[in-house]
Amino acid sequence: NGKYSIGISAFAIGSTYVSSKSLLSHIHSAMNELVTVCNETC
């Protein structure tokens, strides 16, 4: 269809950030706990 989307190199950079020991990773863990309790999307 000639449409462009995000490629693997951009994904690799994003994955490096998310996997780093950032504030986001700590909150992400808390979000997992919330979904376990509430069974709803966070």
All heavy atoms as atom14 arrays in JSON, in Angstrom:
{
  "sequence": "NGKYSIGISAFAIGSTYVSSKSLLSHIHSAMNELVTVCNETC",
  "atom14_mask": [
    [1, 1, 1, 1, 1, 1, 1, 1, 0, 0, 0, 0, 0, 0],
    [1, 1, 1, 1, 0, 0, 0, 0, 0, 0, 0, 0, 0, 0],
    [1, 1, 1, 1, 1, 1, 1, 1, 1, 0, 0, 0, 0, 0],
    [1, 1, 1, 1, 1, 1, 1, 1, 1, 1, 1, 1, 0, 0],
    [1, 1, 1, 1, 1, 1, 0, 0, 0, 0, 0, 0, 0, 0],
    [1, 1, 1, 1, 1, 1, 1, 1, 0, 0, 0, 0, 0, 0],
    [1, 1, 1, 1, 0, 0, 0, 0, 0, 0, 0, 0, 0, 0],
    [1, 1, 1, 1, 1, 1, 1, 1, 0, 0, 0, 0, 0, 0],
    [1, 1, 1, 1, 1, 1, 0, 0, 0, 0, 0, 0, 0, 0],
    [1, 1, 1, 1, 1, 0, 0, 0, 0, 0, 0, 0, 0, 0],
    [1, 1, 1, 1, 1, 1, 1, 1, 1, 1, 1, 0, 0, 0],
    [1, 1, 1, 1, 1, 0, 0, 0, 0, 0, 0, 0, 0, 0],
    [1, 1, 1, 1, 1, 1, 1, 1, 0, 0, 0, 0, 0, 0],
    [1, 1, 1, 1, 0, 0, 0, 0, 0, 0, 0, 0, 0, 0],
    [1, 1, 1, 1, 1, 1, 0, 0, 0, 0, 0, 0, 0, 0],
    [1, 1, 1, 1, 1, 1, 1, 0, 0, 0, 0, 0, 0, 0],
    [1, 1, 1, 1, 1, 1, 1, 1, 1, 1, 1, 1, 0, 0],
    [1, 1, 1, 1, 1, 1, 1, 0, 0, 0, 0, 0, 0, 0],
    [1, 1, 1, 1, 1, 1, 0, 0, 0, 0, 0, 0, 0, 0],
    [1, 1, 1, 1, 1, 1, 0, 0, 0, 0, 0, 0, 0, 0],
    [1, 1, 1, 1, 1, 1, 1, 1, 1, 0, 0, 0, 0, 0],
    [1, 1, 1, 1, 1, 1, 0, 0, 0, 0, 0, 0, 0, 0],
    [1, 1, 1, 1, 1, 1, 1, 1, 0, 0, 0, 0, 0, 0],
    [1, 1, 1, 1, 1, 1, 1, 1, 0, 0, 0, 0, 0, 0],
    [1, 1, 1, 1, 1, 1, 0, 0, 0, 0, 0, 0, 0, 0],
    [1, 1, 1, 1, 1, 1, 1, 1, 1, 1, 0, 0, 0, 0],
    [1, 1, 1, 1, 1, 1, 1, 1, 0, 0, 0, 0, 0, 0],
    [1, 1, 1, 1, 1, 1, 1, 1, 1, 1, 0, 0, 0, 0],
    [1, 1, 1, 1, 1, 1, 0, 0, 0, 0, 0, 0, 0, 0],
    [1, 1, 1, 1, 1, 0, 0, 0, 0, 0, 0, 0, 0, 0],
    [1, 1, 1, 1, 1, 1, 1, 1, 0, 0, 0, 0, 0, 0],
    [1, 1, 1, 1, 1, 1, 1, 1, 0, 0, 0, 0, 0, 0],
    [1, 1, 1, 1, 1, 1, 1, 1, 1, 0, 0, 0, 0, 0],
    [1, 1, 1, 1, 1, 1, 1, 1, 0, 0, 0, 0, 0, 0],
    [1, 1, 1, 1, 1, 1, 1, 0, 0, 0, 0, 0, 0, 0],
    [1, 1, 1, 1, 1, 1, 1, 0, 0, 0, 0, 0, 0, 0],
    [1, 1, 1, 1, 1, 1, 1, 0, 0, 0, 0, 0, 0, 0],
    [1, 1, 1, 1, 1, 1, 0, 0, 0, 0, 0, 0, 0, 0],
    [1, 1, 1, 1, 1, 1, 1, 1, 0, 0, 0, 0, 0, 0],
    [1, 1, 1, 1, 1, 1, 1, 1, 1, 0, 0, 0, 0, 0],
    [1, 1, 1, 1, 1, 1, 1, 0, 0, 0, 0, 0, 0, 0],
    [1, 1, 1, 1, 1, 1, 0, 0, 0, 0, 0, 0, 0, 0]
  ],
  "atom14_positions": [
    [[0.81, -1.23, 0.0], [0.0, 0.0, 0.0], [0.84, 1.28, 0.0], [0.28, 2.38, 0.0], [-0.97, 0.01, 1.19], [-0.26, -0.14, 2.53], [0.93, 0.13, 2.65], [-1.01, -0.57, 3.55], [0.0, 0.0, 0.0], [0.0, 0.0, 0.0], [0.0, 0.0, 0.0], [0.0, 0.0, 0.0], [0.0, 0.0, 0.0], [0.0, 0.0, 0.0]],
    [[2.17, 1.14, 0.02], [3.04, 2.31, -0.03], [3.06, 3.12, 1.25], [3.53, 4.26, 1.25], [0.0, 0.0, 0.0], [0.0, 0.0, 0.0], [0.0, 0.0, 0.0], [0.0, 0.0, 0.0], [0.0, 0.0, 0.0], [0.0, 0.0, 0.0], [0.0, 0.0, 0.0], [0.0, 0.0, 0.0], [0.0, 0.0, 0.0], [0.0, 0.0, 0.0]],
    [[2.59, 2.53, 2.35], [2.55, 3.27, 3.61], [3.78, 2.98, 4.46], [4.24, 1.84, 4.56], [1.28, 2.92, 4.39], [0.02, 3.45, 3.73], [-1.2, 3.32, 4.63], [-2.42, 3.97, 4.0], [-3.59, 3.95, 4.89], [0.0, 0.0, 0.0], [0.0, 0.0, 0.0], [0.0, 0.0, 0.0], [0.0, 0.0, 0.0], [0.0, 0.0, 0.0]],
    [[4.28, 4.05, 5.08], [5.44, 3.95, 5.95], [5.01, 3.82, 7.4], [4.0, 4.39, 7.82], [6.33, 5.19, 5.81], [7.0, 5.32, 4.46], [6.37, 6.03, 3.43], [8.23, 4.74, 4.2], [6.98, 6.16, 2.18], [8.84, 4.85, 2.97], [8.21, 5.57, 1.96], [8.8, 5.69, 0.73], [0.0, 0.0, 0.0], [0.0, 0.0, 0.0]],
    [[5.8, 3.08, 8.18], [5.58, 2.96, 9.62], [6.92, 2.91, 10.32], [7.97, 2.85, 9.66], [4.76, 1.69, 9.94], [5.42, 0.55, 9.43], [0.0, 0.0, 0.0], [0.0, 0.0, 0.0], [0.0, 0.0, 0.0], [0.0, 0.0, 0.0], [0.0, 0.0, 0.0], [0.0, 0.0, 0.0], [0.0, 0.0, 0.0], [0.0, 0.0, 0.0]],
    [[6.91, 2.94, 11.65], [8.14, 2.92, 12.43], [8.9, 1.61, 12.18], [8.31, 0.53, 12.14], [7.82, 3.07, 13.93], [7.39, 4.52, 14.23], [9.01, 2.7, 14.8], [8.48, 5.55, 14.02], [0.0, 0.0, 0.0], [0.0, 0.0, 0.0], [0.0, 0.0, 0.0], [0.0, 0.0, 0.0], [0.0, 0.0, 0.0], [0.0, 0.0, 0.0]],
    [[10.23, 1.72, 12.03], [11.07, 0.57, 11.75], [11.79, 0.03, 12.97], [11.7, 0.59, 14.07], [0.0, 0.0, 0.0], [0.0, 0.0, 0.0], [0.0, 0.0, 0.0], [0.0, 0.0, 0.0], [0.0, 0.0, 0.0], [0.0, 0.0, 0.0], [0.0, 0.0, 0.0], [0.0, 0.0, 0.0], [0.0, 0.0, 0.0], [0.0, 0.0, 0.0]],
    [[12.56, -1.01, 12.75], [13.22, -1.72, 13.84], [14.28, -0.88, 14.55], [14.49, -1.02, 15.75], [13.84, -3.05, 13.31], [14.31, -3.92, 14.48], [14.97, -2.77, 12.34], [13.19, -4.43, 15.34], [0.0, 0.0, 0.0], [0.0, 0.0, 0.0], [0.0, 0.0, 0.0], [0.0, 0.0, 0.0], [0.0, 0.0, 0.0], [0.0, 0.0, 0.0]],
    [[14.96, 0.01, 13.82], [16.0, 0.84, 14.46], [15.39, 1.79, 15.49], [15.93, 1.99, 16.58], [16.78, 1.62, 13.41], [17.54, 0.76, 12.6], [0.0, 0.0, 0.0], [0.0, 0.0, 0.0], [0.0, 0.0, 0.0], [0.0, 0.0, 0.0], [0.0, 0.0, 0.0], [0.0, 0.0, 0.0], [0.0, 0.0, 0.0], [0.0, 0.0, 0.0]],
    [[14.25, 2.4, 15.13], [13.56, 3.29, 16.07], [13.06, 2.5, 17.27], [13.13, 2.96, 18.41], [12.4, 4.0, 15.38], [0.0, 0.0, 0.0], [0.0, 0.0, 0.0], [0.0, 0.0, 0.0], [0.0, 0.0, 0.0], [0.0, 0.0, 0.0], [0.0, 0.0, 0.0], [0.0, 0.0, 0.0], [0.0, 0.0, 0.0], [0.0, 0.0, 0.0]],
    [[12.55, 1.29, 17.0], [12.08, 0.43, 18.08], [13.22, 0.08, 19.04], [13.05, 0.07, 20.26], [11.47, -0.84, 17.51], [11.06, -1.84, 18.56], [9.89, -1.67, 19.28], [11.86, -2.93, 18.84], [9.51, -2.58, 20.25], [11.49, -3.85, 19.82], [10.32, -3.67, 20.53], [0.0, 0.0, 0.0], [0.0, 0.0, 0.0], [0.0, 0.0, 0.0]],
    [[14.41, -0.19, 18.47], [15.55, -0.56, 19.3], [15.95, 0.58, 20.24], [16.25, 0.36, 21.41], [16.73, -0.94, 18.42], [0.0, 0.0, 0.0], [0.0, 0.0, 0.0], [0.0, 0.0, 0.0], [0.0, 0.0, 0.0], [0.0, 0.0, 0.0], [0.0, 0.0, 0.0], [0.0, 0.0, 0.0], [0.0, 0.0, 0.0], [0.0, 0.0, 0.0]],
    [[15.9, 1.82, 19.72], [16.23, 2.97, 20.56], [15.2, 3.13, 21.67], [15.55, 3.35, 22.83], [16.3, 4.25, 19.7], [17.52, 4.2, 18.79], [16.35, 5.5, 20.59], [17.6, 5.35, 17.81], [0.0, 0.0, 0.0], [0.0, 0.0, 0.0], [0.0, 0.0, 0.0], [0.0, 0.0, 0.0], [0.0, 0.0, 0.0], [0.0, 0.0, 0.0]],
    [[13.93, 3.02, 21.31], [12.87, 3.12, 22.32], [12.97, 2.03, 23.36], [12.78, 2.28, 24.56], [0.0, 0.0, 0.0], [0.0, 0.0, 0.0], [0.0, 0.0, 0.0], [0.0, 0.0, 0.0], [0.0, 0.0, 0.0], [0.0, 0.0, 0.0], [0.0, 0.0, 0.0], [0.0, 0.0, 0.0], [0.0, 0.0, 0.0], [0.0, 0.0, 0.0]],
    [[13.29, 0.83, 22.94], [13.41, -0.29, 23.87], [14.56, -0.08, 24.84], [14.47, -0.44, 26.0], [13.62, -1.6, 23.09], [12.5, -1.88, 22.29], [0.0, 0.0, 0.0], [0.0, 0.0, 0.0], [0.0, 0.0, 0.0], [0.0, 0.0, 0.0], [0.0, 0.0, 0.0], [0.0, 0.0, 0.0], [0.0, 0.0, 0.0], [0.0, 0.0, 0.0]],
    [[15.65, 0.51, 24.35], [16.79, 0.81, 25.22], [16.38, 1.76, 26.33], [16.74, 1.6, 27.49], [17.94, 1.42, 24.41], [18.34, 0.48, 23.42], [19.13, 1.75, 25.31], [0.0, 0.0, 0.0], [0.0, 0.0, 0.0], [0.0, 0.0, 0.0], [0.0, 0.0, 0.0], [0.0, 0.0, 0.0], [0.0, 0.0, 0.0], [0.0, 0.0, 0.0]],
    [[15.58, 2.77, 25.97], [15.14, 3.74, 26.98], [14.23, 3.08, 28.01], [14.4, 3.21, 29.21], [14.4, 4.91, 26.32], [13.77, 5.82, 27.34], [14.54, 6.72, 28.06], [12.41, 5.75, 27.62], [13.98, 7.53, 29.03], [11.85, 6.55, 28.58], [12.63, 7.45, 29.28], [12.07, 8.23, 30.24], [0.0, 0.0, 0.0], [0.0, 0.0, 0.0]],
    [[13.23, 2.34, 27.49], [12.25, 1.73, 28.4], [12.91, 0.72, 29.33], [12.54, 0.59, 30.49], [11.12, 1.06, 27.59], [10.21, 0.25, 28.49], [10.31, 2.11, 26.85], [0.0, 0.0, 0.0], [0.0, 0.0, 0.0], [0.0, 0.0, 0.0], [0.0, 0.0, 0.0], [0.0, 0.0, 0.0], [0.0, 0.0, 0.0], [0.0, 0.0, 0.0]],
    [[13.93, 0.0, 28.81], [14.57, -1.02, 29.63], [15.56, -0.44, 30.63], [16.03, -1.14, 31.52], [15.29, -2.03, 28.73], [16.35, -1.4, 28.03], [0.0, 0.0, 0.0], [0.0, 0.0, 0.0], [0.0, 0.0, 0.0], [0.0, 0.0, 0.0], [0.0, 0.0, 0.0], [0.0, 0.0, 0.0], [0.0, 0.0, 0.0], [0.0, 0.0, 0.0]],
    [[15.87, 0.84, 30.5], [16.8, 1.46, 31.45], [16.1, 1.63, 32.79], [14.88, 1.62, 32.9], [17.27, 2.82, 30.92], [16.19, 3.72, 30.89], [0.0, 0.0, 0.0], [0.0, 0.0, 0.0], [0.0, 0.0, 0.0], [0.0, 0.0, 0.0], [0.0, 0.0, 0.0], [0.0, 0.0, 0.0], [0.0, 0.0, 0.0], [0.0, 0.0, 0.0]],
    [[16.9, 1.81, 33.83], [16.33, 1.93, 35.18], [15.81, 3.35, 35.35], [16.4, 4.18, 36.03], [17.4, 1.59, 36.22], [16.82, 1.35, 37.61], [17.88, 0.82, 38.55], [17.33, 0.56, 39.93], [16.26, -0.44, 39.94], [0.0, 0.0, 0.0], [0.0, 0.0, 0.0], [0.0, 0.0, 0.0], [0.0, 0.0, 0.0], [0.0, 0.0, 0.0]],
    [[14.7, 3.64, 34.72], [14.11, 4.97, 34.74], [12.91, 5.01, 35.68], [12.42, 3.98, 36.13], [13.65, 5.34, 33.33], [12.64, 4.45, 32.91], [0.0, 0.0, 0.0], [0.0, 0.0, 0.0], [0.0, 0.0, 0.0], [0.0, 0.0, 0.0], [0.0, 0.0, 0.0], [0.0, 0.0, 0.0], [0.0, 0.0, 0.0], [0.0, 0.0, 0.0]],
    [[12.46, 6.2, 35.9], [11.25, 6.38, 36.71], [10.08, 5.65, 36.06], [9.25, 5.07, 36.75], [10.95, 7.87, 36.83], [9.71, 8.25, 37.61], [9.83, 7.83, 39.07], [9.44, 9.74, 37.52], [0.0, 0.0, 0.0], [0.0, 0.0, 0.0], [0.0, 0.0, 0.0], [0.0, 0.0, 0.0], [0.0, 0.0, 0.0], [0.0, 0.0, 0.0]],
    [[10.04, 5.68, 34.74], [8.96, 5.02, 34.02], [8.87, 3.54, 34.38], [7.78, 3.0, 34.56], [9.16, 5.19, 32.52], [8.14, 4.54, 31.59], [6.73, 5.01, 31.91], [8.48, 4.82, 30.14], [0.0, 0.0, 0.0], [0.0, 0.0, 0.0], [0.0, 0.0, 0.0], [0.0, 0.0, 0.0], [0.0, 0.0, 0.0], [0.0, 0.0, 0.0]],
    [[10.01, 2.88, 34.5], [10.0, 1.44, 34.79], [9.4, 1.15, 36.16], [8.69, 0.16, 36.35], [11.41, 0.86, 34.68], [12.25, 1.36, 35.69], [0.0, 0.0, 0.0], [0.0, 0.0, 0.0], [0.0, 0.0, 0.0], [0.0, 0.0, 0.0], [0.0, 0.0, 0.0], [0.0, 0.0, 0.0], [0.0, 0.0, 0.0], [0.0, 0.0, 0.0]],
    [[9.67, 2.02, 37.14], [9.12, 1.84, 38.47], [7.59, 2.02, 38.46], [6.86, 1.24, 39.08], [9.74, 2.85, 39.44], [11.19, 2.59, 39.74], [11.61, 1.52, 40.49], [12.31, 3.26, 39.36], [12.94, 1.54, 40.59], [13.38, 2.59, 39.91], [0.0, 0.0, 0.0], [0.0, 0.0, 0.0], [0.0, 0.0, 0.0], [0.0, 0.0, 0.0]],
    [[7.13, 3.04, 37.76], [5.69, 3.29, 37.7], [5.01, 2.19, 36.88], [3.88, 1.79, 37.19], [5.41, 4.69, 37.1], [6.05, 5.77, 37.98], [3.9, 4.94, 37.01], [5.89, 7.18, 37.46], [0.0, 0.0, 0.0], [0.0, 0.0, 0.0], [0.0, 0.0, 0.0], [0.0, 0.0, 0.0], [0.0, 0.0, 0.0], [0.0, 0.0, 0.0]],
    [[5.7, 1.71, 35.87], [5.16, 0.63, 35.05], [4.87, -0.6, 35.92], [3.85, -1.27, 35.75], [6.17, 0.27, 33.95], [5.58, -0.42, 32.78], [5.53, -1.79, 32.66], [4.99, 0.07, 31.65], [4.96, -2.12, 31.52], [4.61, -1.01, 30.88], [0.0, 0.0, 0.0], [0.0, 0.0, 0.0], [0.0, 0.0, 0.0], [0.0, 0.0, 0.0]],
    [[5.75, -0.88, 36.86], [5.56, -2.0, 37.77], [4.31, -1.79, 38.63], [3.52, -2.72, 38.84], [6.79, -2.15, 38.68], [6.59, -3.15, 39.64], [0.0, 0.0, 0.0], [0.0, 0.0, 0.0], [0.0, 0.0, 0.0], [0.0, 0.0, 0.0], [0.0, 0.0, 0.0], [0.0, 0.0, 0.0], [0.0, 0.0, 0.0], [0.0, 0.0, 0.0]],
    [[4.13, -0.56, 39.11], [2.95, -0.24, 39.91], [1.67, -0.36, 39.08], [0.63, -0.8, 39.58], [3.08, 1.17, 40.49], [0.0, 0.0, 0.0], [0.0, 0.0, 0.0], [0.0, 0.0, 0.0], [0.0, 0.0, 0.0], [0.0, 0.0, 0.0], [0.0, 0.0, 0.0], [0.0, 0.0, 0.0], [0.0, 0.0, 0.0], [0.0, 0.0, 0.0]],
    [[1.74, 0.01, 37.82], [0.59, -0.12, 36.92], [0.21, -1.58, 36.73], [-0.98, -1.92, 36.68], [0.89, 0.55, 35.58], [1.0, 2.07, 35.65], [1.68, 2.8, 34.12], [0.4, 2.38, 32.93], [0.0, 0.0, 0.0], [0.0, 0.0, 0.0], [0.0, 0.0, 0.0], [0.0, 0.0, 0.0], [0.0, 0.0, 0.0], [0.0, 0.0, 0.0]],
    [[1.22, -2.44, 36.63], [0.95, -3.88, 36.52], [0.17, -4.39, 37.73], [-0.77, -5.18, 37.6], [2.27, -4.65, 36.41], [2.65, -4.96, 34.98], [1.86, -5.5, 34.22], [3.86, -4.61, 34.61], [0.0, 0.0, 0.0], [0.0, 0.0, 0.0], [0.0, 0.0, 0.0], [0.0, 0.0, 0.0], [0.0, 0.0, 0.0], [0.0, 0.0, 0.0]],
    [[0.57, -3.92, 38.91], [-0.1, -4.33, 40.14], [-1.55, -3.86, 40.13], [-2.46, -4.58, 40.56], [0.65, -3.78, 41.35], [2.05, -4.37, 41.52], [2.84, -3.7, 42.63], [2.22, -2.96, 43.43], [4.07, -3.89, 42.68], [0.0, 0.0, 0.0], [0.0, 0.0, 0.0], [0.0, 0.0, 0.0], [0.0, 0.0, 0.0], [0.0, 0.0, 0.0]],
    [[-1.77, -2.63, 39.66], [-3.13, -2.08, 39.61], [-4.02, -2.94, 38.69], [-5.16, -3.27, 39.06], [-3.1, -0.64, 39.11], [-4.45, 0.09, 39.01], [-4.27, 1.58, 39.25], [-5.11, -0.11, 37.65], [0.0, 0.0, 0.0], [0.0, 0.0, 0.0], [0.0, 0.0, 0.0], [0.0, 0.0, 0.0], [0.0, 0.0, 0.0], [0.0, 0.0, 0.0]],
    [[-3.52, -3.28, 37.52], [-4.3, -4.07, 36.57], [-4.62, -5.46, 37.14], [-5.71, -5.99, 36.94], [-3.56, -4.19, 35.22], [-4.29, -5.16, 34.28], [-3.45, -2.82, 34.57], [0.0, 0.0, 0.0], [0.0, 0.0, 0.0], [0.0, 0.0, 0.0], [0.0, 0.0, 0.0], [0.0, 0.0, 0.0], [0.0, 0.0, 0.0], [0.0, 0.0, 0.0]],
    [[-3.69, -6.01, 37.9], [-3.92, -7.31, 38.53], [-5.11, -7.24, 39.5], [-5.92, -8.16, 39.58], [-2.67, -7.77, 39.3], [-1.59, -7.92, 38.37], [-2.91, -9.09, 40.01], [0.0, 0.0, 0.0], [0.0, 0.0, 0.0], [0.0, 0.0, 0.0], [0.0, 0.0, 0.0], [0.0, 0.0, 0.0], [0.0, 0.0, 0.0], [0.0, 0.0, 0.0]],
    [[-5.21, -6.12, 40.21], [-6.3, -5.94, 41.18], [-7.62, -5.57, 40.5], [-8.67, -6.12, 40.81], [-5.92, -4.86, 42.22], [-7.12, -4.56, 43.13], [-4.73, -5.3, 43.05], [0.0, 0.0, 0.0], [0.0, 0.0, 0.0], [0.0, 0.0, 0.0], [0.0, 0.0, 0.0], [0.0, 0.0, 0.0], [0.0, 0.0, 0.0], [0.0, 0.0, 0.0]],
    [[-7.55, -4.62, 39.55], [-8.78, -4.05, 38.97], [-9.27, -4.77, 37.71], [-10.44, -4.63, 37.34], [-8.56, -2.58, 38.63], [-8.18, -1.53, 40.05], [0.0, 0.0, 0.0], [0.0, 0.0, 0.0], [0.0, 0.0, 0.0], [0.0, 0.0, 0.0], [0.0, 0.0, 0.0], [0.0, 0.0, 0.0], [0.0, 0.0, 0.0], [0.0, 0.0, 0.0]],
    [[-8.38, -5.48, 37.04], [-8.72, -6.15, 35.78], [-9.19, -5.16, 34.72], [-10.04, -5.49, 33.89], [-9.81, -7.22, 36.0], [-9.26, -8.46, 36.64], [-8.19, -8.95, 36.26], [-9.96, -8.98, 37.63], [0.0, 0.0, 0.0], [0.0, 0.0, 0.0], [0.0, 0.0, 0.0], [0.0, 0.0, 0.0], [0.0, 0.0, 0.0], [0.0, 0.0, 0.0]],
    [[-8.64, -3.96, 34.75], [-8.98, -2.95, 33.75], [-7.69, -2.32, 33.22], [-6.65, -2.38, 33.85], [-9.88, -1.85, 34.35], [-11.18, -2.34, 34.95], [-12.15, -2.94, 33.92], [-11.9, -2.82, 32.7], [-13.16, -3.53, 34.35], [0.0, 0.0, 0.0], [0.0, 0.0, 0.0], [0.0, 0.0, 0.0], [0.0, 0.0, 0.0], [0.0, 0.0, 0.0]],
    [[-7.79, -1.71, 32.05], [-6.62, -1.11, 31.39], [-6.12, 0.12, 32.14], [-6.91, 0.99, 32.53], [-6.96, -0.74, 29.94], [-7.3, -1.93, 29.23], [-5.79, -0.06, 29.26], [0.0, 0.0, 0.0], [0.0, 0.0, 0.0], [0.0, 0.0, 0.0], [0.0, 0.0, 0.0], [0.0, 0.0, 0.0], [0.0, 0.0, 0.0], [0.0, 0.0, 0.0]],
    [[-4.81, 0.21, 32.29], [-4.18, 1.35, 32.97], [-3.26, 2.06, 31.98], [-2.45, 1.43, 31.29], [-3.38, 0.86, 34.18], [-2.64, 2.17, 35.17], [0.0, 0.0, 0.0], [0.0, 0.0, 0.0], [0.0, 0.0, 0.0], [0.0, 0.0, 0.0], [0.0, 0.0, 0.0], [0.0, 0.0, 0.0], [0.0, 0.0, 0.0], [0.0, 0.0, 0.0]]
  ]
}
